[in-house]
Amino acid sequence: MIDGKKVLFSGMQATGNLTLGNYLGALKNWVTLSEEYECFYCVVDEHSITVRQDPAILRKRARALLTLYIAAGLNPEKNCIYYQSHVSGHAELAWILNCYTYMGELSRMTQFKDKSAKHADNINAGLFTYPVLMAADILLYQADVVPVGIDQKQHLEITRDIAQRFNSIYGETFTIPEAYIGKTGAKIMSLQNPEKKMSKSDENPNGSIYLMDDPDTIIRKCKRAVTDSEAQILYRDEQPGVKNLINIYCACTGETPEQVVAEFDGKGYGDLKAAVGEAIVSQLRPLQEEVARLEKDKAYIDSVIKNNAEKAAYFANKTLRKVQKRVGFPERIR
């Protein structure tokens, strides 16, 4: 705990462009958490290089993501918003935790299997030990809670296993993190394949609404959204495309699915798609305007990067020094 508050850790990779799903499902909800938790929100750039990146593009996307955090309403005075690569404790702790993690545990990670299949020409050691770096991210700040999606539950479980194993050998060192169970964020699916989650890595750009898409692009993508041949607007699993559009509309307007079905009673899919497009445009306009304003204020963003990196390093080093002492590393002469 820090100043009487439990600690929450989360982050997003600095690859691709954030989608409407990332915003409605996670980022928008992060904003409400700073009142209850001491929050560390990381721009996860070290994890990003398990897949080859263009250096200039990675730097640009990392800064854009940090700016988006702030534009979305995360106050850098209340939340620690920083680059993972600016706090060396992440990599230092990861090496130590590697020595307390078993090959069999890592080989069972589904994300390693999935990414290995997608990047068969670059199955590197970093991809294999990715969950250990993620464990270090979380344990470094003695996080009490971690918001996780279904695809990240396995990584939190191995984090807990590693922490418990270390504690059992050396005594209480790490807080054992719990999954954050709060208000469920909107689950936004692909506009082109409503059976799959909207993703920033989708090969079909028409499947995702990106946060910086202009209004015309948003409207066009919504018009092309996959529906069905039933020609009726109902909220049910048998109509996944229509259900997804209703979920998006609800997330943007605050209406319930029942209200939306009543509102569009007797209308066609074209009406629903047009309304969803306009609702998304209205939802993203303030965010896009704030991003544009912040991008012009280079000095402010630079100050956030510097100050928050120092804050993150302070808390990270408290844990790291304790761990180094536990495992027997020589004390540093100051």
Protein backbone atom coordinates (compact mmCIF):
# COMPACT_ATOMS: atom_id res chain seq x y z
CA MET A 1 0.00 0.00 0.00
CA ILE A 2 1.05 3.59 -0.63
CA ASP A 3 -0.39 6.39 1.54
CA GLY A 4 -3.19 4.10 2.68
CA LYS A 5 -4.22 3.10 -0.84
CA LYS A 6 -3.88 -0.29 -2.47
CA VAL A 7 -1.61 -0.33 -5.51
CA LEU A 8 -2.92 -1.05 -9.02
CA PHE A 9 -0.67 -1.77 -12.00
CA SER A 10 -1.59 -1.96 -15.67
CA GLY A 11 -0.19 -1.08 -19.05
CA MET A 12 -0.57 -1.29 -22.81
CA GLN A 13 1.94 -2.19 -25.49
CA ALA A 14 3.39 0.56 -27.62
CA THR A 15 2.57 -1.27 -30.85
CA GLY A 16 -0.21 -0.65 -33.33
CA ASN A 17 -2.89 1.99 -32.87
CA LEU A 18 -5.35 1.82 -29.98
CA THR A 19 -8.87 0.89 -30.95
CA LEU A 20 -12.29 1.87 -29.73
CA GLY A 21 -12.28 -1.49 -27.92
CA ASN A 22 -9.11 -0.57 -26.00
CA TYR A 23 -10.68 2.74 -25.01
CA LEU A 24 -14.16 1.59 -23.99
CA GLY A 25 -13.02 -1.73 -22.57
CA ALA A 26 -10.04 -0.52 -20.53
CA LEU A 27 -8.63 2.98 -20.83
CA LYS A 28 -11.88 4.83 -20.10
CA ASN A 29 -12.38 2.74 -16.96
CA TRP A 30 -8.82 3.37 -15.72
CA VAL A 31 -9.72 7.01 -15.15
CA THR A 32 -12.12 6.18 -12.32
CA LEU A 33 -9.60 4.00 -10.46
CA SER A 34 -7.20 6.73 -9.27
CA GLU A 35 -9.61 7.78 -6.53
CA GLU A 36 -9.52 4.32 -4.96
CA TYR A 37 -6.03 3.08 -5.88
CA GLU A 38 -2.46 4.29 -6.22
CA CYS A 39 -2.12 3.58 -9.93
CA PHE A 40 0.92 2.81 -12.06
CA TYR A 41 0.09 2.93 -15.77
CA CYS A 42 2.97 1.77 -17.91
CA VAL A 43 3.69 2.27 -21.60
CA VAL A 44 4.94 -1.26 -22.22
CA ASP A 45 7.73 -0.72 -24.71
CA GLU A 46 10.13 -3.48 -23.54
CA HIS A 47 7.52 -6.15 -24.19
CA SER A 48 6.98 -4.65 -27.62
CA ILE A 49 10.35 -5.73 -29.01
CA THR A 50 9.63 -9.48 -28.79
CA VAL A 51 8.39 -8.78 -32.32
CA ARG A 52 10.69 -6.77 -34.59
CA GLN A 53 9.89 -3.05 -34.52
CA ASP A 54 10.98 -0.07 -36.59
CA PRO A 55 12.85 2.02 -33.94
CA ALA A 56 11.54 5.39 -35.09
CA ILE A 57 7.95 4.11 -35.24
CA LEU A 58 8.21 2.47 -31.79
CA ARG A 59 9.42 5.74 -30.22
CA LYS A 60 6.64 7.66 -31.93
CA ARG A 61 3.96 5.19 -30.86
CA ALA A 62 5.22 5.07 -27.28
CA ARG A 63 4.93 8.84 -26.97
CA ALA A 64 1.54 8.81 -28.68
CA LEU A 65 0.29 6.18 -26.23
CA LEU A 66 1.52 8.11 -23.20
CA THR A 67 -0.19 11.22 -24.58
CA LEU A 68 -3.40 9.23 -25.08
CA TYR A 69 -3.32 8.11 -21.44
CA ILE A 70 -3.33 11.75 -20.37
CA ALA A 71 -5.86 12.86 -22.99
CA ALA A 72 -8.24 10.12 -21.82
CA GLY A 73 -8.29 11.75 -18.39
CA LEU A 74 -5.48 10.06 -16.46
CA ASN A 75 -4.00 12.82 -14.32
CA PRO A 76 -0.19 12.38 -14.20
CA GLU A 77 -0.21 14.08 -10.78
CA LYS A 78 -2.45 11.32 -9.38
CA ASN A 79 -1.26 8.41 -11.53
CA CYS A 80 2.28 7.33 -12.34
CA ILE A 81 2.36 7.28 -16.15
CA TYR A 82 5.74 6.21 -17.48
CA TYR A 83 7.76 4.26 -20.03
CA GLN A 84 8.73 0.74 -18.96
CA SER A 85 12.16 1.17 -20.58
CA HIS A 86 12.90 4.24 -18.41
CA VAL A 87 12.87 2.16 -15.22
CA SER A 88 15.76 -0.32 -15.28
CA GLY A 89 14.25 -2.21 -12.34
CA HIS A 90 11.84 -3.98 -14.70
CA ALA A 91 14.66 -5.75 -16.54
CA GLU A 92 16.78 -6.26 -13.40
CA LEU A 93 13.98 -7.92 -11.47
CA ALA A 94 12.98 -9.97 -14.51
CA TRP A 95 16.44 -11.57 -14.61
CA ILE A 96 16.22 -12.56 -10.95
CA LEU A 97 12.69 -13.94 -11.37
CA ASN A 98 13.82 -15.92 -14.43
CA CYS A 99 15.91 -17.95 -12.00
CA TYR A 100 12.78 -18.80 -10.00
CA THR A 101 10.59 -19.72 -12.96
CA TYR A 102 10.46 -23.17 -14.52
CA MET A 103 10.72 -23.97 -18.22
CA GLY A 104 7.62 -26.15 -18.00
CA GLU A 105 5.58 -23.22 -16.68
CA LEU A 106 6.64 -20.97 -19.54
CA SER A 107 6.12 -23.63 -22.21
CA ARG A 108 2.46 -23.86 -21.20
CA MET A 109 1.77 -20.17 -21.87
CA THR A 110 -0.82 -19.94 -24.64
CA GLN A 111 0.37 -16.52 -25.79
CA PHE A 112 3.84 -17.94 -26.51
CA LYS A 113 2.26 -20.63 -28.65
CA ASP A 114 0.05 -18.12 -30.48
CA LYS A 115 2.83 -15.61 -31.17
CA SER A 116 5.26 -18.36 -32.18
CA ALA A 117 2.77 -19.48 -34.80
CA LYS A 118 2.38 -15.93 -36.11
CA HIS A 119 6.11 -15.14 -36.07
CA ALA A 120 7.71 -18.46 -36.90
CA ASP A 121 10.82 -16.71 -38.25
CA ASN A 122 11.50 -15.00 -34.90
CA ILE A 123 10.78 -17.34 -31.99
CA ASN A 124 13.16 -15.62 -29.58
CA ALA A 125 13.99 -16.10 -25.90
CA GLY A 126 12.25 -12.82 -25.01
CA LEU A 127 9.01 -14.17 -26.41
CA PHE A 128 9.41 -17.27 -24.25
CA THR A 129 10.22 -15.36 -21.04
CA TYR A 130 7.68 -12.61 -21.70
CA PRO A 131 5.54 -13.71 -18.69
CA VAL A 132 8.52 -13.28 -16.35
CA LEU A 133 9.01 -9.67 -17.42
CA MET A 134 5.28 -9.18 -16.92
CA ALA A 135 5.61 -10.66 -13.42
CA ALA A 136 8.45 -8.23 -12.73
CA ASP A 137 6.30 -5.33 -13.95
CA ILE A 138 3.62 -6.19 -11.41
CA LEU A 139 5.73 -7.31 -8.44
CA LEU A 140 8.15 -4.38 -8.72
CA TYR A 141 5.46 -2.02 -7.40
CA GLN A 142 4.01 -4.46 -4.87
CA ALA A 143 0.73 -4.28 -6.79
CA ASP A 144 -2.32 -5.45 -4.88
CA VAL A 145 -4.56 -5.59 -7.95
CA VAL A 146 -4.14 -5.95 -11.71
CA PRO A 147 -6.96 -5.43 -14.23
CA VAL A 148 -6.81 -8.41 -16.54
CA GLY A 149 -8.71 -9.61 -19.56
CA ILE A 150 -9.36 -13.25 -20.37
CA ASP A 151 -6.18 -13.42 -22.48
CA GLN A 152 -4.02 -12.22 -19.57
CA LYS A 153 -5.36 -14.38 -16.73
CA GLN A 154 -2.71 -17.02 -17.30
CA HIS A 155 0.04 -14.42 -16.93
CA LEU A 156 -1.34 -13.20 -13.61
CA GLU A 157 -1.52 -16.79 -12.38
CA ILE A 158 2.16 -17.40 -13.15
CA THR A 159 3.02 -14.07 -11.52
CA ARG A 160 1.31 -15.24 -8.34
CA ASP A 161 3.11 -18.60 -8.54
CA ILE A 162 6.52 -16.93 -8.93
CA ALA A 163 5.85 -14.51 -6.06
CA GLN A 164 4.65 -17.27 -3.73
CA ARG A 165 7.66 -19.44 -4.61
CA PHE A 166 10.09 -16.59 -3.88
CA ASN A 167 8.31 -15.72 -0.63
CA SER A 168 8.40 -19.34 0.51
CA ILE A 169 12.18 -19.42 0.06
CA TYR A 170 13.15 -15.98 1.38
CA GLY A 171 10.23 -14.83 3.51
CA GLU A 172 7.61 -12.20 2.75
CA THR A 173 9.04 -10.11 -0.07
CA PHE A 174 6.30 -9.64 -2.67
CA THR A 175 2.64 -8.73 -2.36
CA ILE A 176 0.58 -11.47 -4.02
CA PRO A 177 -1.51 -9.63 -6.63
CA GLU A 178 -5.19 -10.26 -7.21
CA ALA A 179 -7.16 -9.82 -10.41
CA TYR A 180 -9.05 -6.54 -10.41
CA ILE A 181 -12.76 -7.24 -10.51
CA GLY A 182 -14.62 -4.01 -11.04
CA LYS A 183 -17.07 -2.54 -13.47
CA THR A 184 -16.89 -4.64 -16.60
CA GLY A 185 -15.72 -2.63 -19.57
CA ALA A 186 -17.59 -2.85 -22.82
CA LYS A 187 -16.54 -5.89 -24.86
CA ILE A 188 -16.18 -4.55 -28.37
CA MET A 189 -15.89 -7.01 -31.23
CA SER A 190 -14.53 -6.65 -34.75
CA LEU A 191 -16.87 -4.90 -37.20
CA GLN A 192 -15.91 -7.45 -39.85
CA ASN A 193 -15.82 -10.56 -37.68
CA PRO A 194 -18.07 -10.10 -34.62
CA GLU A 195 -16.93 -13.45 -33.24
CA LYS A 196 -13.48 -11.93 -32.55
CA LYS A 197 -12.49 -9.06 -30.27
CA MET A 198 -11.67 -5.74 -31.96
CA SER A 199 -7.88 -5.69 -32.16
CA LYS A 200 -5.18 -3.19 -33.05
CA SER A 201 -3.38 -6.05 -34.83
CA ASP A 202 -6.34 -6.98 -37.04
CA GLU A 203 -5.16 -7.52 -40.60
CA ASN A 204 -8.44 -6.05 -41.89
CA PRO A 205 -8.40 -2.31 -41.05
CA ASN A 206 -12.18 -2.14 -41.58
CA GLY A 207 -12.66 -4.41 -38.57
CA SER A 208 -11.39 -1.85 -36.07
CA ILE A 209 -12.18 1.76 -35.21
CA TYR A 210 -8.89 3.44 -34.27
CA LEU A 211 -8.97 6.24 -31.71
CA MET A 212 -7.51 8.76 -34.11
CA ASP A 213 -9.71 7.83 -37.11
CA ASP A 214 -11.35 10.90 -38.64
CA PRO A 215 -15.18 11.14 -38.68
CA ASP A 216 -15.52 10.15 -42.35
CA THR A 217 -13.44 7.00 -41.79
CA ILE A 218 -15.48 6.06 -38.72
CA ILE A 219 -18.78 6.49 -40.55
CA ARG A 220 -17.50 4.48 -43.52
CA LYS A 221 -16.29 1.59 -41.36
CA CYS A 222 -19.61 1.44 -39.53
CA LYS A 223 -21.53 1.37 -42.80
CA ARG A 224 -19.44 -1.64 -43.87
CA ALA A 225 -19.98 -3.49 -40.56
CA VAL A 226 -21.09 -7.10 -40.94
CA THR A 227 -24.68 -7.80 -39.87
CA ASP A 228 -26.89 -10.61 -41.24
CA SER A 229 -29.88 -11.29 -43.49
CA GLU A 230 -32.53 -11.32 -40.76
CA ALA A 231 -33.33 -7.62 -41.24
CA GLN A 232 -34.42 -7.05 -37.65
CA ILE A 233 -32.65 -5.22 -34.86
CA LEU A 234 -32.63 -7.52 -31.83
CA TYR A 235 -30.10 -7.96 -29.03
CA ARG A 236 -29.29 -11.66 -29.08
CA ASP A 237 -26.37 -14.02 -29.56
CA GLU A 238 -27.84 -15.35 -32.80
CA GLN A 239 -27.14 -11.94 -34.37
CA PRO A 240 -23.53 -11.23 -33.27
CA GLY A 241 -22.96 -8.37 -35.72
CA VAL A 242 -26.10 -6.52 -34.67
CA LYS A 243 -25.42 -7.25 -31.01
CA ASN A 244 -21.93 -5.77 -31.35
CA LEU A 245 -23.28 -2.59 -32.93
CA ILE A 246 -25.80 -2.27 -30.10
CA ASN A 247 -23.04 -2.78 -27.51
CA ILE A 248 -20.97 -0.03 -29.12
CA TYR A 249 -23.97 2.31 -29.24
CA CYS A 250 -24.73 1.60 -25.57
CA ALA A 251 -21.13 2.21 -24.52
CA CYS A 252 -21.10 5.55 -26.33
CA THR A 253 -24.56 6.82 -25.30
CA GLY A 254 -25.20 5.22 -21.91
CA GLU A 255 -28.40 3.60 -23.12
CA THR A 256 -29.34 -0.01 -22.33
CA PRO A 257 -29.70 -2.66 -25.06
CA GLU A 258 -33.46 -2.73 -24.40
CA GLN A 259 -33.69 1.01 -25.01
CA VAL A 260 -31.72 0.72 -28.24
CA VAL A 261 -33.89 -2.10 -29.55
CA ALA A 262 -37.00 -0.01 -28.80
CA GLU A 263 -35.43 3.09 -30.39
CA PHE A 264 -34.74 1.27 -33.66
CA ASP A 265 -37.94 -0.75 -33.78
CA GLY A 266 -39.11 -0.81 -37.39
CA LYS A 267 -35.88 0.67 -38.71
CA GLY A 268 -33.20 -0.97 -40.83
CA TYR A 269 -29.58 -1.90 -40.33
CA GLY A 270 -28.53 1.20 -42.27
CA ASP A 271 -30.17 3.41 -39.64
CA LEU A 272 -28.43 1.57 -36.82
CA LYS A 273 -25.03 1.72 -38.51
CA ALA A 274 -25.37 5.45 -39.19
CA ALA A 275 -26.37 6.13 -35.58
CA VAL A 276 -23.49 4.02 -34.23
CA GLY A 277 -21.04 5.91 -36.44
CA GLU A 278 -22.28 9.29 -35.20
CA ALA A 279 -22.18 8.10 -31.58
CA ILE A 280 -18.55 6.99 -31.97
CA VAL A 281 -17.59 10.29 -33.57
CA SER A 282 -19.18 12.18 -30.65
CA GLN A 283 -17.45 9.89 -28.13
CA LEU A 284 -13.98 10.31 -29.64
CA ARG A 285 -14.10 14.00 -30.58
CA PRO A 286 -13.11 15.35 -27.11
CA LEU A 287 -10.31 12.77 -26.85
CA GLN A 288 -8.94 13.63 -30.28
CA GLU A 289 -9.09 17.37 -29.55
CA GLU A 290 -7.19 16.88 -26.27
CA VAL A 291 -4.56 14.74 -28.01
CA ALA A 292 -4.05 17.52 -30.57
CA ARG A 293 -3.66 20.08 -27.79
CA LEU A 294 -1.20 17.98 -25.80
CA GLU A 295 0.91 17.13 -28.85
CA LYS A 296 1.61 20.86 -29.25
CA ASP A 297 2.81 21.14 -25.64
CA LYS A 298 6.09 19.23 -25.94
CA ALA A 299 7.54 20.72 -22.76
CA TYR A 300 4.61 19.48 -20.68
CA ILE A 301 4.73 15.92 -22.03
CA ASP A 302 8.53 15.87 -21.55
CA SER A 303 8.08 16.94 -17.92
CA VAL A 304 5.54 14.17 -17.32
CA ILE A 305 7.93 11.61 -18.83
CA LYS A 306 10.82 12.80 -16.63
CA ASN A 307 8.93 13.25 -13.36
CA ASN A 308 6.90 10.06 -13.58
CA ALA A 309 9.96 7.98 -14.51
CA GLU A 310 11.65 9.26 -11.36
CA LYS A 311 8.58 8.45 -9.27
CA ALA A 312 8.30 4.94 -10.75
CA ALA A 313 12.03 4.33 -10.23
CA TYR A 314 11.78 5.35 -6.57
CA PHE A 315 9.15 2.72 -5.79
CA ALA A 316 10.75 0.13 -8.09
CA ASN A 317 14.13 0.48 -6.39
CA LYS A 318 12.61 -0.05 -2.94
CA THR A 319 11.48 -3.51 -4.03
CA LEU A 320 14.56 -4.26 -6.12
CA ARG A 321 17.03 -3.52 -3.28
CA LYS A 322 15.03 -5.79 -0.96
CA VAL A 323 15.06 -8.62 -3.52
CA GLN A 324 18.78 -8.20 -4.25
CA LYS A 325 19.54 -8.43 -0.53
CA ARG A 326 17.35 -11.53 -0.17
CA VAL A 327 19.17 -13.45 -2.92
CA GLY A 328 22.62 -12.49 -1.61
CA PHE A 329 23.86 -9.78 -3.95
CA PRO A 330 26.55 -7.55 -2.37
CA GLU A 331 25.30 -4.28 -0.89
CA ARG A 332 26.02 -1.16 -2.90
CA ILE A 333 28.54 1.29 -1.46
CA ARG A 334 26.98 4.76 -1.46
